[in-house]
């Protein structure tokens, strides 16, 4: 008797075999990917050798240019959904090279630009967002050095929040952005630019969800941002008053800490200097 686990592995491998032939009918592709995503979502935490063998060909079949750049947005979202499921299952033992993983994350991040109800597969994009937050896949992106993708992801999130961001979505986005900043070894100015742009005082969206998101993420990361935020503000040729008060609070506190450290070092230097001179006499 075939176990449910063996049956599931067989179903996944059967879908992979069909992907080799890549039927180009949109409806056929969508049905195929929906079935694959459903089966992958049932895998759970176990990862046998046979299950790995079932996943690896599926990922390779999904990251072909014809699918990653398919003209139908719903197909691309469905592909991203399947890839997200595979990455979550195999995160402890990635089934692919860094280059292939970057391709996977490219299409996953692209779905964040479709987090609007007018998209037919909106709820699939929302599920991808939730899974990325829940399993901390953004940290894998960070470890792979996907800097440009992370900037693009921040831009998508803040753009989406200008128009449509229900509570669950807001919480997932806030969690992901906070996680990326807190876990970064070094925060680039380019990663901070979208956040700063979202909380400009002269912006017509003051008080909007996008504004609230940018302000909340900065608030969550106050200590982490102290060494970086002032430089980012200065590089944009704006002053602190051009932004929400949280920016001035972080920058002024950072400046106060640096100033206090410098004064302390000077005091120690002159104290030691004069003590040595006095003792020499």
Protein backbone atom coordinates (compact mmCIF):
# COMPACT_ATOMS: atom_id res chain seq x y z
CA UNK A 1 0.00 0.00 0.00
CA UNK A 2 1.37 3.41 -0.98
CA UNK A 3 1.64 5.85 1.94
CA UNK A 4 0.25 9.37 1.73
CA UNK A 5 3.82 10.66 1.83
CA UNK A 6 4.84 8.47 -1.13
CA UNK A 7 1.70 9.47 -2.97
CA UNK A 8 2.50 13.14 -2.43
CA UNK A 9 6.05 12.69 -3.71
CA UNK A 10 4.69 10.91 -6.79
CA UNK A 11 2.22 13.72 -7.49
CA UNK A 12 4.96 16.35 -7.26
CA UNK A 13 7.22 14.38 -9.59
CA UNK A 14 4.37 13.88 -12.06
CA UNK A 15 3.81 17.64 -12.23
CA UNK A 16 7.53 18.14 -12.79
CA UNK A 17 7.45 15.72 -15.72
CA UNK A 18 4.62 17.68 -17.29
CA UNK A 19 6.56 20.90 -16.83
CA UNK A 20 9.31 19.53 -19.04
CA UNK A 21 6.93 19.79 -21.98
CA UNK A 22 5.76 23.23 -20.81
CA UNK A 23 2.26 23.52 -22.27
CA UNK A 24 1.77 27.11 -23.33
CA UNK A 25 -1.95 27.41 -22.74
CA UNK A 26 -2.38 29.86 -19.84
CA UNK A 27 -5.23 27.86 -18.33
CA UNK A 28 -3.26 24.62 -18.46
CA UNK A 29 -0.26 26.30 -16.86
CA UNK A 30 -2.35 27.85 -14.11
CA UNK A 31 -4.06 24.55 -13.30
CA UNK A 32 -0.72 22.80 -13.24
CA UNK A 33 0.91 25.35 -10.94
CA UNK A 34 -2.09 25.50 -8.65
CA UNK A 35 -1.91 21.73 -8.22
CA UNK A 36 1.85 21.85 -7.63
CA UNK A 37 1.59 24.68 -5.06
CA UNK A 38 -1.18 22.80 -3.24
CA UNK A 39 0.86 19.59 -3.08
CA UNK A 40 3.98 21.45 -1.96
CA UNK A 41 2.05 23.21 0.80
CA UNK A 42 1.15 19.78 2.23
CA UNK A 43 4.75 18.63 2.51
CA UNK A 44 5.29 20.12 5.96
CA UNK A 45 8.60 20.09 7.79
CA UNK A 46 9.81 16.63 6.77
CA UNK A 47 12.34 16.41 3.99
CA UNK A 48 13.34 12.91 3.01
CA UNK A 49 15.93 12.17 0.35
CA UNK A 50 13.18 11.12 -2.02
CA UNK A 51 11.31 14.36 -1.32
CA UNK A 52 14.46 16.33 -2.12
CA UNK A 53 14.67 14.44 -5.40
CA UNK A 54 11.07 15.49 -6.10
CA UNK A 55 11.77 19.18 -5.37
CA UNK A 56 14.99 19.84 -7.16
CA UNK A 57 13.75 19.04 -10.69
CA UNK A 58 10.60 21.08 -9.98
CA UNK A 59 12.67 24.15 -9.14
CA UNK A 60 14.84 23.70 -12.23
CA UNK A 61 11.74 23.34 -14.39
CA UNK A 62 10.21 26.50 -12.90
CA UNK A 63 13.15 28.87 -13.25
CA UNK A 64 13.31 28.81 -17.02
CA UNK A 65 13.17 32.19 -18.84
CA UNK A 66 9.91 31.28 -20.58
CA UNK A 67 8.17 30.89 -17.23
CA UNK A 68 9.96 33.58 -15.22
CA UNK A 69 9.20 36.12 -17.98
CA UNK A 70 5.84 34.75 -19.06
CA UNK A 71 3.64 37.54 -20.46
CA UNK A 72 0.70 36.55 -18.25
CA UNK A 73 1.08 38.06 -14.77
CA UNK A 74 -1.04 35.32 -13.16
CA UNK A 75 1.30 32.66 -14.50
CA UNK A 76 4.29 34.52 -13.05
CA UNK A 77 2.56 34.81 -9.66
CA UNK A 78 1.72 31.09 -9.71
CA UNK A 79 5.32 30.22 -10.54
CA UNK A 80 6.49 32.42 -7.67
CA UNK A 81 4.05 30.69 -5.33
CA UNK A 82 5.46 27.26 -6.20
CA UNK A 83 9.04 28.47 -5.87
CA UNK A 84 8.28 30.05 -2.51
CA UNK A 85 6.89 26.75 -1.25
CA UNK A 86 9.98 24.88 -2.46
CA UNK A 87 12.36 27.37 -0.86
CA UNK A 88 10.49 27.16 2.46
CA UNK A 89 10.68 23.38 2.43
CA UNK A 90 14.36 23.21 1.53
CA UNK A 91 15.62 26.32 3.36
CA UNK A 92 17.89 24.27 5.64
CA UNK A 93 19.46 22.51 2.64
CA UNK A 94 19.05 24.76 -0.43
CA UNK A 95 18.53 22.73 -3.61
CA UNK A 96 20.28 25.11 -5.93
CA UNK A 97 23.20 27.47 -6.55
CA UNK A 98 23.26 31.07 -5.31
CA UNK A 99 22.67 32.27 -8.87
CA UNK A 100 19.52 30.17 -9.20
CA UNK A 101 18.33 31.22 -5.76
CA UNK A 102 18.66 34.86 -6.79
CA UNK A 103 16.43 34.15 -9.80
CA UNK A 104 13.90 32.60 -7.44
CA UNK A 105 13.90 35.66 -5.22
CA UNK A 106 13.61 37.97 -8.23
CA UNK A 107 10.23 36.53 -9.19
CA UNK A 108 9.09 36.35 -5.55
CA UNK A 109 9.90 40.04 -5.01
CA UNK A 110 8.15 40.93 -8.28
CA UNK A 111 4.87 39.57 -6.87
CA UNK A 112 4.96 42.31 -4.21
CA UNK A 113 4.10 44.74 -6.97
CA UNK A 114 0.79 42.88 -7.44
CA UNK A 115 -0.55 43.24 -3.89
CA UNK A 116 -3.67 45.00 -5.14
CA UNK A 117 -7.23 43.56 -5.21
CA UNK A 118 -7.60 44.22 -8.92
CA UNK A 119 -5.18 41.39 -9.65
CA UNK A 120 -6.92 38.04 -10.09
CA UNK A 121 -4.21 36.26 -8.10
CA UNK A 122 -4.02 38.93 -5.41
CA UNK A 123 -4.57 36.43 -2.59
CA UNK A 124 -1.73 34.27 -3.92
CA UNK A 125 0.60 37.28 -3.77
CA UNK A 126 -0.65 38.00 -0.26
CA UNK A 127 0.10 34.37 0.74
CA UNK A 128 3.64 34.68 -0.66
CA UNK A 129 4.15 37.83 1.41
CA UNK A 130 2.91 36.08 4.54
CA UNK A 131 5.18 33.08 3.94
CA UNK A 132 8.23 35.28 3.39
CA UNK A 133 7.54 37.01 6.72
CA UNK A 134 6.68 33.80 8.59
CA UNK A 135 9.75 31.86 7.47
CA UNK A 136 12.14 34.85 7.40
CA UNK A 137 13.12 34.21 3.79
CA UNK A 138 14.22 37.85 3.57
CA UNK A 139 17.22 36.87 5.73
CA UNK A 140 18.22 34.32 3.09
CA UNK A 141 18.12 37.15 0.56
CA UNK A 142 20.30 39.19 2.89
CA UNK A 143 22.81 36.37 3.25
CA UNK A 144 22.95 35.93 -0.54
CA UNK A 145 23.81 39.61 -0.97
CA UNK A 146 20.63 40.47 -2.90
CA UNK A 147 21.07 44.18 -2.12
CA UNK A 148 19.33 45.53 -5.22
CA UNK A 149 16.41 43.14 -4.72
CA UNK A 150 15.99 44.27 -1.11
CA UNK A 151 15.86 47.91 -2.22
CA UNK A 152 13.30 46.97 -4.89
CA UNK A 153 11.29 45.11 -2.24
CA UNK A 154 11.23 48.18 0.04
CA UNK A 155 10.07 50.31 -2.88
CA UNK A 156 7.24 47.90 -3.68
CA UNK A 157 6.10 47.77 -0.07
CA UNK A 158 5.94 51.53 0.38
CA UNK A 159 4.23 52.01 -3.00
CA UNK A 160 1.60 49.39 -2.15
CA UNK A 161 0.97 51.03 1.24
CA UNK A 162 0.03 54.27 -0.50
CA UNK A 163 -3.06 52.67 -1.94
CA UNK A 164 -3.98 49.40 -0.26
CA UNK A 165 -2.61 47.85 2.93
CA UNK A 166 -5.02 45.95 5.22
CA UNK A 167 -3.87 45.13 8.75
CA UNK A 168 -2.46 41.69 7.98
CA UNK A 169 -0.50 42.95 5.01
CA UNK A 170 0.79 45.97 6.95
CA UNK A 171 2.01 43.71 9.77
CA UNK A 172 3.83 41.34 7.37
CA UNK A 173 5.48 44.19 5.48
CA UNK A 174 6.54 45.95 8.68
CA UNK A 175 7.99 42.68 10.02
CA UNK A 176 10.00 42.00 6.85
CA UNK A 177 11.41 45.53 6.55
CA UNK A 178 12.32 45.65 10.24
CA UNK A 179 13.98 42.24 10.01
CA UNK A 180 16.11 43.25 7.03
CA UNK A 181 17.36 46.42 8.73
CA UNK A 182 17.98 44.82 12.11
CA UNK A 183 19.91 41.88 10.66
CA UNK A 184 22.01 43.85 8.15
CA UNK A 185 25.70 44.07 8.94
CA UNK A 186 25.89 47.36 7.08
CA UNK A 187 22.92 49.46 5.94
CA UNK A 188 23.35 51.26 2.63
CA UNK A 189 21.99 54.74 1.97
CA UNK A 190 20.08 53.30 -0.99
CA UNK A 191 18.11 50.99 1.31
CA UNK A 192 17.13 53.95 3.51
CA UNK A 193 16.12 56.26 0.66
CA UNK A 194 12.66 54.69 0.10
CA UNK A 195 11.92 54.96 3.84
CA UNK A 196 13.01 58.58 3.99
CA UNK A 197 11.04 59.40 0.86
CA UNK A 198 7.87 57.95 2.42
CA UNK A 199 7.97 60.36 5.41
CA UNK A 200 8.76 63.69 3.77
CA UNK A 201 6.84 66.51 5.51
CA UNK A 202 5.93 68.18 2.22
CA UNK A 203 4.56 64.93 0.83
CA UNK A 204 0.83 64.99 0.11
CA UNK A 205 0.59 61.53 1.68
CA UNK A 206 1.47 62.75 5.18
CA UNK A 207 -0.43 60.51 7.60
CA UNK A 208 -1.12 57.87 4.94
CA UNK A 209 -0.42 54.18 5.50
CA UNK A 210 2.81 54.57 3.55
CA UNK A 211 3.86 57.36 5.90
CA UNK A 212 2.86 55.28 8.93
CA UNK A 213 4.78 52.29 7.61
CA UNK A 214 7.99 54.25 7.06
CA UNK A 215 7.70 55.91 10.47
CA UNK A 216 6.98 52.62 12.25
CA UNK A 217 9.89 50.76 10.65
CA UNK A 218 12.28 53.56 11.61
CA UNK A 219 10.89 53.52 15.14
CA UNK A 220 11.45 49.77 15.34
CA UNK A 221 15.10 50.15 14.33
CA UNK A 222 16.20 53.27 16.23
CA UNK A 223 19.40 51.84 17.71
CA UNK A 224 20.40 50.07 14.50
CA UNK A 225 19.93 53.19 12.36
CA UNK A 226 21.87 55.68 14.50
CA UNK A 227 25.17 55.23 12.63
CA UNK A 228 23.56 55.43 9.17
CA UNK A 229 20.54 57.73 9.03
CA UNK A 230 22.20 61.15 9.22
CA UNK A 231 24.54 60.33 6.33
CA UNK A 232 21.57 59.24 4.22
CA UNK A 233 19.69 62.47 4.99
CA UNK A 234 22.71 64.64 4.15
CA UNK A 235 23.34 62.81 0.89
CA UNK A 236 19.81 63.77 -0.24
CA UNK A 237 20.43 67.48 0.45
CA UNK A 238 17.50 67.73 2.86
CA UNK A 239 17.39 68.92 6.45
CA UNK A 240 15.94 67.05 9.40
CA UNK A 241 12.84 69.27 9.49
CA UNK A 242 11.91 67.97 6.03
CA UNK A 243 11.01 64.62 7.56
CA UNK A 244 8.78 63.13 10.23
CA UNK A 245 10.04 63.88 13.77
CA UNK A 246 11.40 60.33 14.22
CA UNK A 247 14.24 61.14 11.79
CA UNK A 248 15.43 64.13 13.80
CA UNK A 249 15.08 62.13 16.99
CA UNK A 250 17.36 59.35 15.69
CA UNK A 251 19.91 61.67 14.11
CA UNK A 252 20.14 64.08 17.03
CA UNK A 253 20.43 61.25 19.51
CA UNK A 254 23.16 59.70 17.37
CA UNK A 255 24.97 63.04 17.16
CA UNK A 256 24.66 63.47 20.93
CA UNK A 257 26.23 60.06 21.55
CA UNK A 258 29.11 60.80 19.17
CA UNK A 259 29.62 64.26 20.65
CA UNK A 260 29.65 62.83 24.18
CA UNK A 261 32.21 60.19 23.15
CA UNK A 262 34.49 62.79 21.54
CA UNK A 263 34.30 65.13 24.54
CA UNK A 264 35.05 62.21 26.84
CA UNK A 265 38.07 61.18 24.79
CA UNK A 266 39.43 64.74 24.74
CA UNK A 267 38.93 65.07 28.49
CA UNK A 268 40.82 61.82 29.10
CA UNK A 269 43.61 62.91 26.77
CA UNK A 270 44.15 66.32 28.36
CA UNK A 271 43.77 64.97 31.87
CA UNK A 272 46.42 62.33 31.24
CA UNK A 273 48.63 64.85 29.44
CA UNK A 274 48.58 67.39 32.26
CA UNK A 275 48.96 64.72 34.94
CA UNK A 276 52.09 63.42 33.21
CA UNK A 277 53.51 66.95 32.91
CA UNK A 278 52.75 67.69 36.58
CA UNK A 279 54.35 64.43 37.70
CA UNK A 280 57.43 65.16 35.62
CA UNK A 281 57.99 68.34 37.56
